[in-house]
């Protein structure tokens, strides 16, 4: 795939792929090609296979939606509401969360104007707003939902 991509587009995938030593099922660690999300999307776009087409169409649709959200921020807010509802937040908590995000943005903007840069301070602020709006800190919600991927600086 690396050779094909370099030949057809003169783009070297090795510039976005990194090798990491990852454990295998046999217990040994092997050098494995790894990429970030953006690079994975780039690689998928370069695959000339009908099997990749559904994912390419999905990427195009998401990109198209984001362009519309840039033009009309209300669409982004509607998408955010739906994401929170899909995660299981009750409707009243979704509304509070949306307002909480607006409040947090306003407050963090003020903090930045006053040269506060410590990420821990911003995490504390987020935790307090979340607790006031939904009764749970991000760490509490993570524990309640059994989330493992998302990290929280506040416990």
N, C-alpha and C. Protein backbone atom coordinates (compact mmCIF):
# COMPACT_ATOMS: atom_id res chain seq x y z
N UNK A 1 0.83 -1.19 0.00
CA UNK A 1 0.00 0.00 0.00
C UNK A 1 0.87 1.25 0.00
N UNK A 2 1.96 1.22 0.78
CA UNK A 2 2.86 2.37 0.81
C UNK A 2 3.43 2.64 -0.58
N UNK A 3 3.87 1.56 -1.26
CA UNK A 3 4.46 1.73 -2.60
C UNK A 3 3.41 2.23 -3.58
N UNK A 4 2.21 1.66 -3.54
CA UNK A 4 1.15 2.06 -4.47
C UNK A 4 0.80 3.53 -4.28
N UNK A 5 0.64 3.96 -3.04
CA UNK A 5 0.28 5.35 -2.77
C UNK A 5 1.37 6.31 -3.23
N UNK A 6 2.62 5.92 -2.99
CA UNK A 6 3.72 6.79 -3.41
C UNK A 6 3.76 6.89 -4.93
N UNK A 7 3.48 5.77 -5.62
CA UNK A 7 3.51 5.77 -7.08
C UNK A 7 2.35 6.57 -7.66
N UNK A 8 1.14 6.43 -7.12
CA UNK A 8 -0.03 7.09 -7.70
C UNK A 8 -0.16 8.55 -7.30
N UNK A 9 0.21 8.90 -6.07
CA UNK A 9 0.00 10.28 -5.63
C UNK A 9 1.27 10.99 -5.21
N UNK A 10 2.38 10.28 -5.24
CA UNK A 10 3.66 10.81 -4.79
C UNK A 10 3.63 11.22 -3.32
N UNK A 11 2.71 10.60 -2.57
CA UNK A 11 2.61 10.85 -1.12
C UNK A 11 3.20 9.65 -0.39
N UNK A 12 4.08 9.89 0.54
CA UNK A 12 4.70 8.80 1.28
C UNK A 12 3.95 8.58 2.59
N UNK A 13 3.30 7.42 2.69
CA UNK A 13 2.56 7.10 3.92
C UNK A 13 3.49 7.00 5.12
N UNK A 14 4.75 6.70 4.88
CA UNK A 14 5.67 6.59 6.01
C UNK A 14 5.82 7.91 6.75
N UNK A 15 5.44 9.02 6.12
CA UNK A 15 5.52 10.30 6.82
C UNK A 15 4.43 10.44 7.87
N UNK A 16 3.36 9.64 7.76
CA UNK A 16 2.27 9.73 8.76
C UNK A 16 2.15 8.45 9.58
N UNK A 17 2.89 7.41 9.21
CA UNK A 17 2.87 6.15 9.96
C UNK A 17 4.09 6.09 10.88
N UNK A 18 3.89 5.62 12.07
CA UNK A 18 4.98 5.43 13.02
C UNK A 18 4.96 3.99 13.49
N UNK A 19 6.12 3.49 13.83
CA UNK A 19 6.19 2.13 14.35
C UNK A 19 6.26 2.18 15.87
N UNK A 20 5.38 1.42 16.48
CA UNK A 20 5.35 1.30 17.93
C UNK A 20 5.51 -0.17 18.29
N UNK A 21 6.17 -0.43 19.39
CA UNK A 21 6.31 -1.81 19.86
C UNK A 21 5.05 -2.14 20.67
N UNK A 22 4.23 -3.04 20.11
CA UNK A 22 2.97 -3.41 20.76
C UNK A 22 2.95 -4.90 21.06
N UNK A 23 2.31 -5.30 22.18
CA UNK A 23 2.25 -6.72 22.52
C UNK A 23 1.31 -7.48 21.58
N UNK A 24 1.70 -8.71 21.27
CA UNK A 24 0.91 -9.57 20.39
C UNK A 24 0.22 -10.64 21.22
N UNK A 25 -0.63 -11.42 20.58
CA UNK A 25 -1.34 -12.49 21.29
C UNK A 25 -0.38 -13.57 21.78
N UNK A 26 0.80 -13.64 21.17
CA UNK A 26 1.78 -14.65 21.62
C UNK A 26 2.60 -14.16 22.81
N UNK A 27 2.29 -12.95 23.30
CA UNK A 27 2.98 -12.41 24.46
C UNK A 27 4.22 -11.61 24.13
N UNK A 28 4.69 -11.70 22.90
CA UNK A 28 5.87 -10.94 22.49
C UNK A 28 5.45 -9.56 21.97
N UNK A 29 6.39 -8.63 21.97
CA UNK A 29 6.13 -7.31 21.42
C UNK A 29 6.77 -7.19 20.05
N UNK A 30 6.02 -6.59 19.11
CA UNK A 30 6.50 -6.42 17.74
C UNK A 30 6.32 -4.98 17.30
N UNK A 31 7.21 -4.54 16.41
CA UNK A 31 7.07 -3.22 15.81
C UNK A 31 5.80 -3.26 14.94
N UNK A 32 4.91 -2.32 15.18
CA UNK A 32 3.62 -2.30 14.49
C UNK A 32 3.37 -0.90 13.94
N UNK A 33 2.89 -0.84 12.69
CA UNK A 33 2.55 0.45 12.09
C UNK A 33 1.37 1.05 12.86
N UNK A 34 1.47 2.33 13.22
CA UNK A 34 0.41 3.01 13.95
C UNK A 34 0.24 4.42 13.39
N UNK A 35 -1.00 4.91 13.41
CA UNK A 35 -1.30 6.25 12.93
C UNK A 35 -2.32 6.89 13.85
N UNK A 36 -2.41 8.22 13.78
CA UNK A 36 -3.47 8.90 14.51
C UNK A 36 -4.75 8.88 13.67
N UNK A 37 -5.83 9.40 14.19
CA UNK A 37 -7.13 9.34 13.51
C UNK A 37 -7.10 10.04 12.16
N UNK A 38 -6.52 11.23 12.11
CA UNK A 38 -6.46 11.97 10.86
C UNK A 38 -5.72 11.17 9.79
N UNK A 39 -4.60 10.57 10.17
CA UNK A 39 -3.82 9.78 9.22
C UNK A 39 -4.60 8.53 8.79
N UNK A 40 -5.34 7.92 9.70
CA UNK A 40 -6.15 6.75 9.33
C UNK A 40 -7.18 7.13 8.28
N UNK A 41 -7.82 8.29 8.45
CA UNK A 41 -8.78 8.75 7.45
C UNK A 41 -8.10 8.98 6.10
N UNK A 42 -6.90 9.56 6.13
CA UNK A 42 -6.15 9.80 4.89
C UNK A 42 -5.84 8.49 4.19
N UNK A 43 -5.43 7.49 4.95
CA UNK A 43 -5.12 6.18 4.37
C UNK A 43 -6.38 5.56 3.77
N UNK A 44 -7.48 5.61 4.48
CA UNK A 44 -8.74 5.04 3.98
C UNK A 44 -9.14 5.71 2.68
N UNK A 45 -8.97 7.02 2.61
CA UNK A 45 -9.32 7.73 1.38
C UNK A 45 -8.49 7.26 0.19
N UNK A 46 -7.30 6.75 0.45
CA UNK A 46 -6.41 6.34 -0.65
C UNK A 46 -6.64 4.90 -1.09
N UNK A 47 -7.48 4.15 -0.41
CA UNK A 47 -7.68 2.74 -0.75
C UNK A 47 -8.60 2.62 -1.97
N UNK A 48 -8.09 2.06 -3.08
CA UNK A 48 -8.91 1.93 -4.28
C UNK A 48 -9.69 0.61 -4.29
N UNK A 49 -10.61 0.48 -3.37
CA UNK A 49 -11.37 -0.75 -3.26
C UNK A 49 -12.85 -0.43 -3.04
N UNK A 50 -13.73 -1.19 -3.68
CA UNK A 50 -15.16 -0.98 -3.45
C UNK A 50 -15.55 -1.19 -1.98
N UNK A 51 -14.80 -2.01 -1.30
CA UNK A 51 -15.11 -2.28 0.11
C UNK A 51 -14.85 -1.05 0.99
N UNK A 52 -13.99 -0.14 0.52
CA UNK A 52 -13.70 1.08 1.29
C UNK A 52 -14.73 2.18 0.98
N UNK A 53 -15.52 2.02 -0.06
CA UNK A 53 -16.45 3.06 -0.48
C UNK A 53 -17.46 3.48 0.59
N UNK A 54 -18.09 2.54 1.32
CA UNK A 54 -19.05 3.00 2.35
C UNK A 54 -18.40 3.93 3.38
N UNK A 55 -17.17 3.62 3.78
CA UNK A 55 -16.49 4.47 4.75
C UNK A 55 -16.13 5.81 4.13
N UNK A 56 -15.71 5.80 2.87
CA UNK A 56 -15.39 7.05 2.17
C UNK A 56 -16.63 7.93 2.05
N UNK A 57 -17.77 7.30 1.76
CA UNK A 57 -19.03 8.08 1.68
C UNK A 57 -19.37 8.67 3.04
N UNK A 58 -19.16 7.88 4.11
CA UNK A 58 -19.43 8.38 5.46
C UNK A 58 -18.52 9.58 5.77
N UNK A 59 -17.24 9.47 5.43
CA UNK A 59 -16.31 10.59 5.65
C UNK A 59 -16.76 11.83 4.90
N UNK A 60 -17.19 11.65 3.66
CA UNK A 60 -17.66 12.79 2.86
C UNK A 60 -18.91 13.40 3.49
N UNK A 61 -19.82 12.56 3.97
CA UNK A 61 -21.05 13.05 4.60
C UNK A 61 -20.73 13.85 5.87
N UNK A 62 -19.84 13.32 6.70
CA UNK A 62 -19.47 14.01 7.93
C UNK A 62 -18.79 15.34 7.61
N UNK A 63 -17.90 15.35 6.62
CA UNK A 63 -17.26 16.59 6.20
C UNK A 63 -18.27 17.60 5.71
N UNK A 64 -19.24 17.14 4.93
CA UNK A 64 -20.30 18.00 4.41
C UNK A 64 -21.11 18.60 5.57
N UNK A 65 -21.44 17.77 6.57
CA UNK A 65 -22.18 18.25 7.74
C UNK A 65 -21.39 19.31 8.49
N UNK A 66 -20.08 19.08 8.66
CA UNK A 66 -19.26 20.04 9.40
C UNK A 66 -19.19 21.38 8.68
N UNK A 67 -19.13 21.36 7.35
CA UNK A 67 -19.12 22.62 6.59
C UNK A 67 -20.42 23.38 6.85
N UNK A 68 -21.54 22.66 6.86
CA UNK A 68 -22.83 23.31 7.15
C UNK A 68 -22.87 23.83 8.58
N UNK A 69 -22.26 23.10 9.52
CA UNK A 69 -22.23 23.55 10.92
C UNK A 69 -21.39 24.81 11.08
N UNK A 70 -20.36 24.95 10.27
CA UNK A 70 -19.55 26.17 10.31
C UNK A 70 -20.38 27.35 9.84
N UNK A 71 -21.20 27.11 8.81
CA UNK A 71 -22.06 28.16 8.28
C UNK A 71 -23.23 28.47 9.21
N UNK A 72 -23.72 27.45 9.93
CA UNK A 72 -24.89 27.61 10.80
C UNK A 72 -24.61 26.89 12.11
N UNK A 73 -24.15 27.62 13.12
CA UNK A 73 -23.73 27.01 14.39
C UNK A 73 -24.88 26.30 15.11
N UNK A 74 -26.11 26.63 14.79
CA UNK A 74 -27.26 25.96 15.41
C UNK A 74 -27.28 24.47 15.06
N UNK A 75 -26.82 24.13 13.87
CA UNK A 75 -26.75 22.72 13.47
C UNK A 75 -25.78 21.95 14.36
N UNK A 76 -24.66 22.57 14.70
CA UNK A 76 -23.68 21.93 15.58
C UNK A 76 -24.28 21.71 16.96
N UNK A 77 -25.04 22.68 17.43
CA UNK A 77 -25.68 22.55 18.74
C UNK A 77 -26.72 21.44 18.72
N UNK A 78 -27.47 21.30 17.63
CA UNK A 78 -28.44 20.21 17.51
C UNK A 78 -27.73 18.85 17.53
N UNK A 79 -26.60 18.76 16.82
CA UNK A 79 -25.84 17.51 16.80
C UNK A 79 -25.32 17.18 18.20
N UNK A 80 -24.84 18.20 18.91
CA UNK A 80 -24.34 17.98 20.26
C UNK A 80 -25.46 17.48 21.17
N UNK A 81 -26.64 18.08 21.07
CA UNK A 81 -27.78 17.63 21.88
C UNK A 81 -28.08 16.15 21.63
N UNK A 82 -28.09 15.78 20.34
CA UNK A 82 -28.39 14.39 19.99
C UNK A 82 -27.32 13.44 20.54
N UNK A 83 -26.04 13.85 20.48
CA UNK A 83 -24.98 13.01 21.02
C UNK A 83 -25.16 12.77 22.51
N UNK A 84 -25.51 13.82 23.25
CA UNK A 84 -25.73 13.66 24.69
C UNK A 84 -26.95 12.78 24.96
N UNK A 85 -28.01 12.93 24.18
CA UNK A 85 -29.18 12.08 24.35
C UNK A 85 -28.84 10.63 24.04
N UNK A 86 -28.05 10.41 22.99
CA UNK A 86 -27.63 9.06 22.64
C UNK A 86 -26.75 8.42 23.71
N UNK A 87 -26.05 9.25 24.48
CA UNK A 87 -25.22 8.74 25.58
C UNK A 87 -26.06 8.42 26.82
N UNK A 88 -27.34 8.77 26.76
CA UNK A 88 -28.22 8.43 27.87
C UNK A 88 -28.51 9.56 28.84
N UNK A 89 -28.07 10.78 28.55
CA UNK A 89 -28.39 11.91 29.41
C UNK A 89 -29.89 12.19 29.30
N UNK A 90 -30.58 12.46 30.43
CA UNK A 90 -31.99 12.87 30.36
C UNK A 90 -32.10 14.25 29.71
N UNK A 91 -33.27 14.54 29.11
CA UNK A 91 -33.46 15.80 28.37
C UNK A 91 -33.14 17.03 29.21
N UNK A 92 -33.57 17.05 30.49
CA UNK A 92 -33.31 18.24 31.30
C UNK A 92 -31.80 18.41 31.54
N UNK A 93 -31.10 17.31 31.67
CA UNK A 93 -29.65 17.38 31.87
C UNK A 93 -28.97 17.82 30.57
N UNK A 94 -29.50 17.40 29.42
CA UNK A 94 -28.92 17.83 28.14
C UNK A 94 -29.01 19.35 28.02
N UNK A 95 -30.18 19.89 28.35
CA UNK A 95 -30.35 21.35 28.28
C UNK A 95 -29.40 22.06 29.25
N UNK A 96 -29.30 21.51 30.45
CA UNK A 96 -28.38 22.10 31.43
C UNK A 96 -26.94 22.00 30.93
N UNK A 97 -26.62 20.88 30.30
CA UNK A 97 -25.26 20.67 29.79
C UNK A 97 -24.94 21.68 28.70
N UNK A 98 -25.89 21.90 27.80
CA UNK A 98 -25.69 22.87 26.72
C UNK A 98 -25.44 24.25 27.31
N UNK A 99 -26.26 24.63 28.29
CA UNK A 99 -26.06 25.92 28.96
C UNK A 99 -24.74 25.95 29.71
N UNK A 100 -24.39 24.81 30.34
CA UNK A 100 -23.14 24.72 31.07
C UNK A 100 -21.93 24.92 30.17
N UNK A 101 -22.01 24.39 28.96
CA UNK A 101 -20.91 24.56 28.00
C UNK A 101 -20.76 26.04 27.65
N UNK A 102 -21.89 26.70 27.42
CA UNK A 102 -21.84 28.13 27.10
C UNK A 102 -21.25 28.92 28.26
N UNK A 103 -21.66 28.59 29.48
CA UNK A 103 -21.14 29.27 30.66
C UNK A 103 -19.64 29.01 30.79
N UNK A 104 -19.25 27.75 30.60
CA UNK A 104 -17.83 27.40 30.72
C UNK A 104 -17.01 28.16 29.68
N UNK A 105 -17.51 28.22 28.43
CA UNK A 105 -16.79 28.95 27.39
C UNK A 105 -16.60 30.41 27.77
N UNK A 106 -17.66 31.01 28.32
CA UNK A 106 -17.58 32.41 28.74
C UNK A 106 -16.56 32.58 29.87
N UNK A 107 -16.64 31.67 30.85
CA UNK A 107 -15.72 31.77 31.99
C UNK A 107 -14.28 31.51 31.59
N UNK A 108 -14.06 30.48 30.77
CA UNK A 108 -12.68 30.19 30.38
C UNK A 108 -12.12 31.33 29.52
N UNK A 109 -12.99 31.96 28.73
CA UNK A 109 -12.56 33.13 27.97
C UNK A 109 -12.07 34.23 28.90
N UNK A 110 -12.84 34.45 29.97
CA UNK A 110 -12.42 35.46 30.96
C UNK A 110 -11.12 35.05 31.63
N UNK A 111 -11.00 33.77 31.99
CA UNK A 111 -9.78 33.30 32.63
C UNK A 111 -8.58 33.51 31.71
N UNK A 112 -8.75 33.20 30.42
CA UNK A 112 -7.65 33.38 29.48
C UNK A 112 -7.26 34.85 29.35
N UNK A 113 -8.26 35.73 29.37
CA UNK A 113 -7.95 37.17 29.33
C UNK A 113 -7.11 37.58 30.52
N UNK A 114 -7.28 36.87 31.64
CA UNK A 114 -6.55 37.19 32.86
C UNK A 114 -5.30 36.32 33.01
N UNK A 115 -4.90 35.68 31.90
CA UNK A 115 -3.64 34.91 31.81
C UNK A 115 -3.60 33.66 32.67
N UNK A 116 -4.75 33.05 32.93
CA UNK A 116 -4.76 31.76 33.63
C UNK A 116 -4.62 30.68 32.58
N UNK A 117 -3.56 29.87 32.68
CA UNK A 117 -3.25 28.88 31.66
C UNK A 117 -3.23 27.44 32.18
N UNK A 118 -3.25 27.24 33.48
CA UNK A 118 -3.11 25.90 34.06
C UNK A 118 -4.32 25.03 33.69
N UNK A 119 -4.06 23.93 32.98
CA UNK A 119 -5.14 23.03 32.54
C UNK A 119 -5.89 22.44 33.73
N UNK A 120 -5.23 22.25 34.85
CA UNK A 120 -5.90 21.71 36.03
C UNK A 120 -6.99 22.68 36.50
N UNK A 121 -6.71 23.98 36.44
CA UNK A 121 -7.73 24.97 36.82
C UNK A 121 -8.94 24.88 35.90
N UNK A 122 -8.70 24.70 34.61
CA UNK A 122 -9.81 24.57 33.67
C UNK A 122 -10.59 23.28 33.93
N UNK A 123 -9.89 22.20 34.29
CA UNK A 123 -10.56 20.93 34.59
C UNK A 123 -11.42 21.06 35.84
N UNK A 124 -10.93 21.78 36.83
CA UNK A 124 -11.71 22.01 38.06
C UNK A 124 -12.98 22.80 37.72
N UNK A 125 -12.83 23.81 36.90
CA UNK A 125 -13.99 24.62 36.49
C UNK A 125 -15.02 23.75 35.78
N UNK A 126 -14.57 22.91 34.86
CA UNK A 126 -15.48 22.02 34.15
C UNK A 126 -16.19 21.08 35.11
N UNK A 127 -15.45 20.54 36.05
CA UNK A 127 -16.04 19.63 37.04
C UNK A 127 -17.09 20.31 37.89
N UNK A 128 -16.82 21.53 38.31
CA UNK A 128 -17.79 22.26 39.13
C UNK A 128 -19.05 22.61 38.35
N UNK A 129 -18.89 23.01 37.10
CA UNK A 129 -20.06 23.32 36.28
C UNK A 129 -20.88 22.06 36.04
N UNK A 130 -20.22 20.95 35.75
CA UNK A 130 -20.92 19.69 35.52
C UNK A 130 -21.68 19.25 36.78
N UNK A 131 -21.04 19.38 37.92
CA UNK A 131 -21.68 18.99 39.19
C UNK A 131 -22.90 19.87 39.47
N UNK A 132 -22.78 21.16 39.17
CA UNK A 132 -23.90 22.08 39.42
C UNK A 132 -25.05 21.83 38.44
N UNK A 133 -24.75 21.43 37.22
CA UNK A 133 -25.82 21.25 36.23
C UNK A 133 -26.44 19.87 36.28
N UNK A 134 -25.63 18.84 36.43
CA UNK A 134 -26.16 17.46 36.36
C UNK A 134 -26.00 16.69 37.66
N UNK A 135 -25.38 17.31 38.65
CA UNK A 135 -25.21 16.63 39.93
C UNK A 135 -24.04 15.66 39.96
N UNK A 136 -23.28 15.57 38.86
CA UNK A 136 -22.15 14.66 38.79
C UNK A 136 -20.94 15.37 38.20
N UNK A 137 -19.76 15.06 38.74
CA UNK A 137 -18.54 15.54 38.11
C UNK A 137 -18.27 14.64 36.91
N UNK A 138 -17.39 15.06 35.98
CA UNK A 138 -17.05 14.16 34.87
C UNK A 138 -16.54 12.80 35.35
N UNK A 139 -15.77 12.78 36.44
CA UNK A 139 -15.27 11.51 36.98
C UNK A 139 -16.41 10.65 37.50
N UNK A 140 -17.39 11.28 38.19
CA UNK A 140 -18.56 10.55 38.69
C UNK A 140 -19.35 9.95 37.53
N UNK A 141 -19.55 10.74 36.47
CA UNK A 141 -20.31 10.27 35.32
C UNK A 141 -19.56 9.14 34.63
N UNK A 142 -18.24 9.27 34.53
CA UNK A 142 -17.42 8.23 33.92
C UNK A 142 -17.59 6.92 34.69
N UNK A 143 -17.55 7.01 36.01
CA UNK A 143 -17.71 5.83 36.85
C UNK A 143 -19.12 5.25 36.70
N UNK A 144 -20.13 6.11 36.71
CA UNK A 144 -21.52 5.69 36.58
C UNK A 144 -21.76 4.93 35.28
N UNK A 145 -21.20 5.42 34.18
CA UNK A 145 -21.40 4.81 32.86
C UNK A 145 -20.38 3.72 32.55
N UNK A 146 -19.39 3.53 33.43
CA UNK A 146 -18.36 2.52 33.18
C UNK A 146 -17.46 2.86 32.02
N UNK A 147 -17.22 4.17 31.80
CA UNK A 147 -16.38 4.61 30.69
C UNK A 147 -14.92 4.41 31.05
N UNK A 148 -14.16 3.92 30.07
CA UNK A 148 -12.74 3.69 30.30
C UNK A 148 -11.86 4.52 29.39
N UNK A 149 -12.34 4.87 28.20
CA UNK A 149 -11.53 5.57 27.22
C UNK A 149 -11.31 7.02 27.59
N UNK A 150 -12.34 7.67 28.09
CA UNK A 150 -12.25 9.09 28.40
C UNK A 150 -11.50 9.29 29.70
N UNK A 151 -10.64 10.27 29.73
CA UNK A 151 -9.86 10.54 30.93
C UNK A 151 -10.43 11.73 31.65
N UNK A 152 -10.17 11.81 32.92
CA UNK A 152 -10.64 12.94 33.70
C UNK A 152 -9.55 13.38 34.65
N UNK A 153 -9.33 14.67 34.70
CA UNK A 153 -8.29 15.21 35.59
C UNK A 153 -8.84 15.41 36.99
N UNK A 154 -10.16 15.36 37.15
CA UNK A 154 -10.80 15.59 38.44
C UNK A 154 -11.34 14.27 38.96
N UNK A 155 -11.08 13.96 40.22
CA UNK A 155 -11.60 12.72 40.78
C UNK A 155 -12.52 13.01 41.94
